[in-house]
């Protein structure tokens, strides 16, 4: 009550008791009046623990690589390059180039790793579509972007479970949307309404609510 517990153990149980949630995480027993389900690709699994209905989250892999910039190319003058009719893109990052095929391969939530074949295909595609010659991939990685069917974020209290708040489904725009989504979550939890700035922008609570998907 009134304190903060830092715990990196996985949540194994969520139980509503009267007007309070009982959470088990590792050896810890925690009580809270509101749970914010911000578990990313695992948000539906956390909801299942709590007894909430799924909102249809689907995790999708996105692959990216870093390569060294050619000596005659200054990244500070280079815009982000998108390709017509495909999802691939080139983005300057410091003195390197970030390349991605823009893949959205459906995956089960897990510690996703880049697929070597897709990395090789990306290098081959970039070399065939541009004048870049890639002798070495300096870094490669993959991450999960999570979507619901309408691809809009899921922000709001559960349809049936009191005190269970969804903050999920940010797709590939989590960083860009982080500030307004944080403001929306704070206002919905504490004031039961969206901030005026979002309402003035034409966004309604129904646009974000998990109720539209449950």
C-alpha atoms as a PDB file:
ATOM      1  CA  UNK A   1       0.000   0.000   0.000  1.00  0.00           C
ATOM      2  CA  UNK A   2       1.610   3.202  -1.182  1.00  0.00           C
ATOM      3  CA  UNK A   3       4.880   1.426  -2.014  1.00  0.00           C
ATOM      4  CA  UNK A   4       6.637   0.250  -5.146  1.00  0.00           C
ATOM      5  CA  UNK A   5       7.772  -3.330  -5.713  1.00  0.00           C
ATOM      6  CA  UNK A   6      10.282  -3.993  -8.464  1.00  0.00           C
ATOM      7  CA  UNK A   7       9.893  -7.587  -9.588  1.00  0.00           C
ATOM      8  CA  UNK A   8      11.211  -9.260 -12.743  1.00  0.00           C
ATOM      9  CA  UNK A   9       9.580 -12.622 -12.064  1.00  0.00           C
ATOM     10  CA  UNK A  10       6.861 -13.764 -14.498  1.00  0.00           C
ATOM     11  CA  UNK A  11       3.253 -13.417 -13.409  1.00  0.00           C
ATOM     12  CA  UNK A  12       1.771 -16.879 -12.817  1.00  0.00           C
ATOM     13  CA  UNK A  13      -1.636 -16.050 -11.310  1.00  0.00           C
ATOM     14  CA  UNK A  14      -4.152 -13.167 -11.356  1.00  0.00           C
ATOM     15  CA  UNK A  15      -7.244 -13.386  -9.196  1.00  0.00           C
ATOM     16  CA  UNK A  16      -9.935 -10.754  -8.529  1.00  0.00           C
ATOM     17  CA  UNK A  17     -10.993 -10.792  -4.867  1.00  0.00           C
ATOM     18  CA  UNK A  18     -13.741  -8.314  -3.955  1.00  0.00           C
ATOM     19  CA  UNK A  19     -12.463  -4.946  -5.251  1.00  0.00           C
ATOM     20  CA  UNK A  20      -8.810  -5.994  -5.328  1.00  0.00           C
ATOM     21  CA  UNK A  21      -6.549  -8.039  -7.582  1.00  0.00           C
ATOM     22  CA  UNK A  22      -4.210 -10.663  -6.127  1.00  0.00           C
ATOM     23  CA  UNK A  23      -1.127 -11.214  -8.262  1.00  0.00           C
ATOM     24  CA  UNK A  24       1.476 -13.940  -7.913  1.00  0.00           C
ATOM     25  CA  UNK A  25       4.866 -13.220  -9.480  1.00  0.00           C
ATOM     26  CA  UNK A  26       7.621 -15.616  -8.503  1.00  0.00           C
ATOM     27  CA  UNK A  27       7.736 -15.632  -4.714  1.00  0.00           C
ATOM     28  CA  UNK A  28       5.826 -12.360  -4.464  1.00  0.00           C
ATOM     29  CA  UNK A  29       2.162 -11.903  -3.594  1.00  0.00           C
ATOM     30  CA  UNK A  30       0.942  -8.472  -4.704  1.00  0.00           C
ATOM     31  CA  UNK A  31      -2.388  -6.701  -4.266  1.00  0.00           C
ATOM     32  CA  UNK A  32      -3.628  -3.927  -6.541  1.00  0.00           C
ATOM     33  CA  UNK A  33      -6.899  -2.218  -7.357  1.00  0.00           C
ATOM     34  CA  UNK A  34      -5.954  -1.802 -11.039  1.00  0.00           C
ATOM     35  CA  UNK A  35      -3.867  -4.019 -13.305  1.00  0.00           C
ATOM     36  CA  UNK A  36      -2.418  -2.499 -16.472  1.00  0.00           C
ATOM     37  CA  UNK A  37      -1.924  -5.249 -19.027  1.00  0.00           C
ATOM     38  CA  UNK A  38       1.031  -3.895 -21.008  1.00  0.00           C
ATOM     39  CA  UNK A  39       2.560  -7.294 -21.805  1.00  0.00           C
ATOM     40  CA  UNK A  40       3.038  -6.655 -25.537  1.00  0.00           C
ATOM     41  CA  UNK A  41       2.854  -9.858 -27.567  1.00  0.00           C
ATOM     42  CA  UNK A  42       1.915 -11.727 -24.370  1.00  0.00           C
ATOM     43  CA  UNK A  43      -1.037  -9.482 -23.446  1.00  0.00           C
ATOM     44  CA  UNK A  44      -3.651 -12.063 -24.447  1.00  0.00           C
ATOM     45  CA  UNK A  45      -1.905 -14.703 -22.318  1.00  0.00           C
ATOM     46  CA  UNK A  46      -1.891 -12.348 -19.316  1.00  0.00           C
ATOM     47  CA  UNK A  47      -5.574 -11.686 -19.932  1.00  0.00           C
ATOM     48  CA  UNK A  48      -6.232 -15.427 -19.982  1.00  0.00           C
ATOM     49  CA  UNK A  49      -4.637 -15.716 -16.530  1.00  0.00           C
ATOM     50  CA  UNK A  50      -7.059 -13.062 -15.299  1.00  0.00           C
ATOM     51  CA  UNK A  51     -10.078 -14.681 -16.923  1.00  0.00           C
ATOM     52  CA  UNK A  52     -10.547 -11.925 -19.530  1.00  0.00           C
ATOM     53  CA  UNK A  53     -11.683 -12.552 -23.078  1.00  0.00           C
ATOM     54  CA  UNK A  54      -9.040 -12.279 -25.818  1.00  0.00           C
ATOM     55  CA  UNK A  55      -8.916  -9.194 -28.039  1.00  0.00           C
ATOM     56  CA  UNK A  56      -7.340 -11.196 -30.887  1.00  0.00           C
ATOM     57  CA  UNK A  57      -3.736 -10.060 -30.630  1.00  0.00           C
ATOM     58  CA  UNK A  58      -1.363 -11.388 -33.289  1.00  0.00           C
ATOM     59  CA  UNK A  59       2.398 -11.027 -32.950  1.00  0.00           C
ATOM     60  CA  UNK A  60       4.310 -10.496 -36.200  1.00  0.00           C
ATOM     61  CA  UNK A  61       8.057 -10.631 -36.701  1.00  0.00           C
ATOM     62  CA  UNK A  62       9.960  -7.647 -38.116  1.00  0.00           C
ATOM     63  CA  UNK A  63      13.551  -8.221 -39.247  1.00  0.00           C
ATOM     64  CA  UNK A  64      16.236  -5.530 -39.581  1.00  0.00           C
ATOM     65  CA  UNK A  65      19.973  -5.339 -40.222  1.00  0.00           C
ATOM     66  CA  UNK A  66      22.690  -2.708 -39.881  1.00  0.00           C
ATOM     67  CA  UNK A  67      25.290  -2.315 -42.634  1.00  0.00           C
ATOM     68  CA  UNK A  68      28.208   0.062 -43.038  1.00  0.00           C
ATOM     69  CA  UNK A  69      27.461   3.135 -45.135  1.00  0.00           C
ATOM     70  CA  UNK A  70      29.458   3.469 -48.372  1.00  0.00           C
ATOM     71  CA  UNK A  71      32.239   6.061 -48.066  1.00  0.00           C
ATOM     72  CA  UNK A  72      30.732   8.286 -50.750  1.00  0.00           C
ATOM     73  CA  UNK A  73      27.320   8.408 -49.031  1.00  0.00           C
ATOM     74  CA  UNK A  74      26.657  10.835 -46.167  1.00  0.00           C
ATOM     75  CA  UNK A  75      23.874   9.544 -43.959  1.00  0.00           C
ATOM     76  CA  UNK A  76      23.101  13.005 -42.579  1.00  0.00           C
ATOM     77  CA  UNK A  77      21.835  13.978 -46.050  1.00  0.00           C
ATOM     78  CA  UNK A  78      19.947  10.746 -46.644  1.00  0.00           C
ATOM     79  CA  UNK A  79      16.167  10.561 -46.092  1.00  0.00           C
ATOM     80  CA  UNK A  80      14.289   7.434 -45.141  1.00  0.00           C
ATOM     81  CA  UNK A  81      13.754   5.499 -48.373  1.00  0.00           C
ATOM     82  CA  UNK A  82      10.527   3.532 -48.847  1.00  0.00           C
ATOM     83  CA  UNK A  83       9.927   1.280 -51.838  1.00  0.00           C
ATOM     84  CA  UNK A  84       6.770   1.268 -53.947  1.00  0.00           C
ATOM     85  CA  UNK A  85       4.638  -1.887 -53.909  1.00  0.00           C
ATOM     86  CA  UNK A  86       6.736  -3.555 -51.177  1.00  0.00           C
ATOM     87  CA  UNK A  87       7.196  -2.924 -47.464  1.00  0.00           C
ATOM     88  CA  UNK A  88      10.987  -2.719 -47.429  1.00  0.00           C
ATOM     89  CA  UNK A  89      12.822   0.427 -46.394  1.00  0.00           C
ATOM     90  CA  UNK A  90      16.256   1.970 -45.821  1.00  0.00           C
ATOM     91  CA  UNK A  91      16.811   4.279 -42.877  1.00  0.00           C
ATOM     92  CA  UNK A  92      19.987   6.171 -41.894  1.00  0.00           C
ATOM     93  CA  UNK A  93      21.064   5.566 -38.294  1.00  0.00           C
ATOM     94  CA  UNK A  94      24.224   7.370 -37.270  1.00  0.00           C
ATOM     95  CA  UNK A  95      26.976   6.263 -39.626  1.00  0.00           C
ATOM     96  CA  UNK A  96      25.154   3.071 -40.584  1.00  0.00           C
ATOM     97  CA  UNK A  97      22.152   2.117 -42.665  1.00  0.00           C
ATOM     98  CA  UNK A  98      19.240   0.197 -41.206  1.00  0.00           C
ATOM     99  CA  UNK A  99      17.624  -2.086 -43.760  1.00  0.00           C
ATOM    100  CA  UNK A 100      14.389  -3.994 -43.326  1.00  0.00           C
ATOM    101  CA  UNK A 101      12.118  -5.995 -45.631  1.00  0.00           C
ATOM    102  CA  UNK A 102       9.161  -4.687 -43.607  1.00  0.00           C
ATOM    103  CA  UNK A 103       8.154  -8.274 -42.920  1.00  0.00           C
ATOM    104  CA  UNK A 104       5.066  -9.094 -40.862  1.00  0.00           C
ATOM    105  CA  UNK A 105       5.405 -12.831 -40.348  1.00  0.00           C
ATOM    106  CA  UNK A 106       2.810 -14.175 -37.859  1.00  0.00           C
ATOM    107  CA  UNK A 107       4.452 -15.704 -34.800  1.00  0.00           C
ATOM    108  CA  UNK A 108       3.564 -17.113 -31.422  1.00  0.00           C
ATOM    109  CA  UNK A 109       4.929 -14.863 -28.632  1.00  0.00           C
ATOM    110  CA  UNK A 110       8.511 -15.880 -27.854  1.00  0.00           C
ATOM    111  CA  UNK A 111      12.048 -14.507 -27.697  1.00  0.00           C
ATOM    112  CA  UNK A 112      12.150 -13.995 -31.436  1.00  0.00           C
ATOM    113  CA  UNK A 113      15.426 -14.188 -33.372  1.00  0.00           C
ATOM    114  CA  UNK A 114      16.229 -13.118 -36.936  1.00  0.00           C
ATOM    115  CA  UNK A 115      15.853 -15.795 -39.580  1.00  0.00           C
ATOM    116  CA  UNK A 116      19.148 -16.305 -41.471  1.00  0.00           C
ATOM    117  CA  UNK A 117      17.356 -17.072 -44.741  1.00  0.00           C
ATOM    118  CA  UNK A 118      15.289 -13.875 -44.544  1.00  0.00           C
ATOM    119  CA  UNK A 119      18.433 -11.858 -43.770  1.00  0.00           C
ATOM    120  CA  UNK A 120      20.172 -13.348 -46.824  1.00  0.00           C
ATOM    121  CA  UNK A 121      17.119 -12.650 -48.991  1.00  0.00           C
ATOM    122  CA  UNK A 122      17.038  -9.054 -47.710  1.00  0.00           C
ATOM    123  CA  UNK A 123      20.702  -8.517 -48.643  1.00  0.00           C
ATOM    124  CA  UNK A 124      20.119 -10.002 -52.101  1.00  0.00           C
ATOM    125  CA  UNK A 125      17.009  -7.849 -52.636  1.00  0.00           C
ATOM    126  CA  UNK A 126      18.754  -4.626 -51.550  1.00  0.00           C
ATOM    127  CA  UNK A 127      21.708  -5.309 -53.857  1.00  0.00           C
ATOM    128  CA  UNK A 128      19.394  -6.021 -56.791  1.00  0.00           C
ATOM    129  CA  UNK A 129      17.183  -2.969 -56.232  1.00  0.00           C
ATOM    130  CA  UNK A 130      19.857  -0.390 -55.330  1.00  0.00           C
ATOM    131  CA  UNK A 131      23.522   0.364 -56.022  1.00  0.00           C
ATOM    132  CA  UNK A 132      24.509  -0.746 -52.527  1.00  0.00           C
ATOM    133  CA  UNK A 133      27.003  -3.588 -52.233  1.00  0.00           C
ATOM    134  CA  UNK A 134      26.847  -5.314 -48.851  1.00  0.00           C
ATOM    135  CA  UNK A 135      30.006  -7.199 -47.921  1.00  0.00           C
ATOM    136  CA  UNK A 136      29.114  -7.684 -44.273  1.00  0.00           C
ATOM    137  CA  UNK A 137      26.052  -7.440 -42.053  1.00  0.00           C
ATOM    138  CA  UNK A 138      27.246  -5.675 -38.907  1.00  0.00           C
ATOM    139  CA  UNK A 139      24.198  -6.486 -36.819  1.00  0.00           C
ATOM    140  CA  UNK A 140      20.914  -8.279 -37.291  1.00  0.00           C
ATOM    141  CA  UNK A 141      17.891  -8.615 -35.070  1.00  0.00           C
ATOM    142  CA  UNK A 142      14.171  -9.235 -35.018  1.00  0.00           C
ATOM    143  CA  UNK A 143      11.295  -8.047 -32.885  1.00  0.00           C
ATOM    144  CA  UNK A 144       7.590  -8.709 -32.449  1.00  0.00           C
ATOM    145  CA  UNK A 145       5.033  -6.093 -33.465  1.00  0.00           C
ATOM    146  CA  UNK A 146       1.583  -6.917 -32.131  1.00  0.00           C
ATOM    147  CA  UNK A 147      -1.709  -6.134 -33.870  1.00  0.00           C
ATOM    148  CA  UNK A 148      -5.430  -6.658 -33.337  1.00  0.00           C
ATOM    149  CA  UNK A 149      -7.660  -7.181 -36.424  1.00  0.00           C
ATOM    150  CA  UNK A 150      -8.380  -3.454 -36.982  1.00  0.00           C
ATOM    151  CA  UNK A 151      -4.688  -2.550 -36.261  1.00  0.00           C
ATOM    152  CA  UNK A 152      -5.645   0.238 -33.812  1.00  0.00           C
ATOM    153  CA  UNK A 153      -4.239   0.298 -30.249  1.00  0.00           C
ATOM    154  CA  UNK A 154      -6.158  -1.318 -27.412  1.00  0.00           C
ATOM    155  CA  UNK A 155      -6.412   1.101 -24.483  1.00  0.00           C
ATOM    156  CA  UNK A 156      -9.127   0.877 -21.854  1.00  0.00           C
ATOM    157  CA  UNK A 157     -10.805  -1.177 -19.152  1.00  0.00           C
ATOM    158  CA  UNK A 158     -11.908  -4.706 -19.907  1.00  0.00           C
ATOM    159  CA  UNK A 159     -15.527  -5.278 -20.890  1.00  0.00           C
ATOM    160  CA  UNK A 160     -16.276  -7.515 -17.885  1.00  0.00           C
ATOM    161  CA  UNK A 161     -13.346  -7.508 -15.449  1.00  0.00           C
ATOM    162  CA  UNK A 162     -13.311  -4.485 -13.147  1.00  0.00           C
ATOM    163  CA  UNK A 163      -9.865  -2.995 -12.658  1.00  0.00           C
ATOM    164  CA  UNK A 164      -8.295  -4.857 -15.585  1.00  0.00           C
ATOM    165  CA  UNK A 165      -6.879  -2.260 -17.997  1.00  0.00           C
ATOM    166  CA  UNK A 166      -5.573  -3.048 -21.482  1.00  0.00           C
ATOM    167  CA  UNK A 167      -2.587  -1.209 -22.998  1.00  0.00           C
ATOM    168  CA  UNK A 168      -1.602  -3.293 -26.009  1.00  0.00           C
ATOM    169  CA  UNK A 169      -1.737  -3.683 -29.790  1.00  0.00           C
ATOM    170  CA  UNK A 170       0.588  -0.828 -30.719  1.00  0.00           C
ATOM    171  CA  UNK A 171       1.813  -2.541 -33.874  1.00  0.00           C
ATOM    172  CA  UNK A 172       4.965  -0.934 -35.219  1.00  0.00           C
ATOM    173  CA  UNK A 173       4.187   2.527 -33.886  1.00  0.00           C
ATOM    174  CA  UNK A 174       4.752   2.123 -30.144  1.00  0.00           C
ATOM    175  CA  UNK A 175       7.517   4.726 -29.909  1.00  0.00           C
ATOM    176  CA  UNK A 176       5.648   7.289 -32.009  1.00  0.00           C
ATOM    177  CA  UNK A 177       2.413   6.778 -30.084  1.00  0.00           C
ATOM    178  CA  UNK A 178       3.949   6.346 -26.624  1.00  0.00           C
ATOM    179  CA  UNK A 179       3.274   9.854 -25.317  1.00  0.00           C
ATOM    180  CA  UNK A 180      -0.406  10.182 -26.318  1.00  0.00           C
ATOM    181  CA  UNK A 181      -1.131   6.553 -25.362  1.00  0.00           C
ATOM    182  CA  UNK A 182       0.413   7.118 -21.929  1.00  0.00           C
ATOM    183  CA  UNK A 183      -1.738  10.238 -21.516  1.00  0.00           C
ATOM    184  CA  UNK A 184      -4.813   8.296 -22.632  1.00  0.00           C
ATOM    185  CA  UNK A 185      -4.114   5.454 -20.195  1.00  0.00           C
ATOM    186  CA  UNK A 186      -3.508   7.778 -17.255  1.00  0.00           C
ATOM    187  CA  UNK A 187      -6.659   9.772 -17.927  1.00  0.00           C
ATOM    188  CA  UNK A 188      -8.869   6.712 -18.502  1.00  0.00           C
ATOM    189  CA  UNK A 189      -7.641   5.062 -15.298  1.00  0.00           C
ATOM    190  CA  UNK A 190      -7.854   8.115 -13.055  1.00  0.00           C
ATOM    191  CA  UNK A 191     -10.617  10.178 -14.667  1.00  0.00           C
ATOM    192  CA  UNK A 192     -12.561   7.628 -16.759  1.00  0.00           C
ATOM    193  CA  UNK A 193     -12.255   9.796 -19.856  1.00  0.00           C
ATOM    194  CA  UNK A 194      -9.764  10.657 -22.581  1.00  0.00           C
ATOM    195  CA  UNK A 195      -7.640  13.826 -22.415  1.00  0.00           C
ATOM    196  CA  UNK A 196      -9.105  16.862 -24.169  1.00  0.00           C
ATOM    197  CA  UNK A 197      -6.203  16.922 -26.632  1.00  0.00           C
ATOM    198  CA  UNK A 198      -7.155  13.488 -27.979  1.00  0.00           C
ATOM    199  CA  UNK A 199     -10.871  14.264 -28.040  1.00  0.00           C
ATOM    200  CA  UNK A 200     -10.138  17.457 -29.991  1.00  0.00           C
ATOM    201  CA  UNK A 201      -8.121  15.364 -32.458  1.00  0.00           C
ATOM    202  CA  UNK A 202     -11.248  13.318 -33.153  1.00  0.00           C
ATOM    203  CA  UNK A 203     -10.298  10.211 -31.164  1.00  0.00           C
ATOM    204  CA  UNK A 204     -13.028   8.640 -29.052  1.00  0.00           C
ATOM    205  CA  UNK A 205     -12.848   6.185 -26.174  1.00  0.00           C
ATOM    206  CA  UNK A 206     -14.676   3.630 -28.346  1.00  0.00           C
ATOM    207  CA  UNK A 207     -11.898   3.855 -30.966  1.00  0.00           C
ATOM    208  CA  UNK A 208      -9.396   2.485 -28.441  1.00  0.00           C
ATOM    209  CA  UNK A 209     -11.525   0.406 -26.068  1.00  0.00           C
ATOM    210  CA  UNK A 210     -11.050  -3.388 -25.874  1.00  0.00           C
ATOM    211  CA  UNK A 211     -14.838  -3.619 -25.862  1.00  0.00           C
ATOM    212  CA  UNK A 212     -14.844  -3.167 -29.657  1.00  0.00           C
ATOM    213  CA  UNK A 213     -12.944  -6.472 -29.941  1.00  0.00           C
ATOM    214  CA  UNK A 214     -14.561  -8.518 -27.160  1.00  0.00           C
END
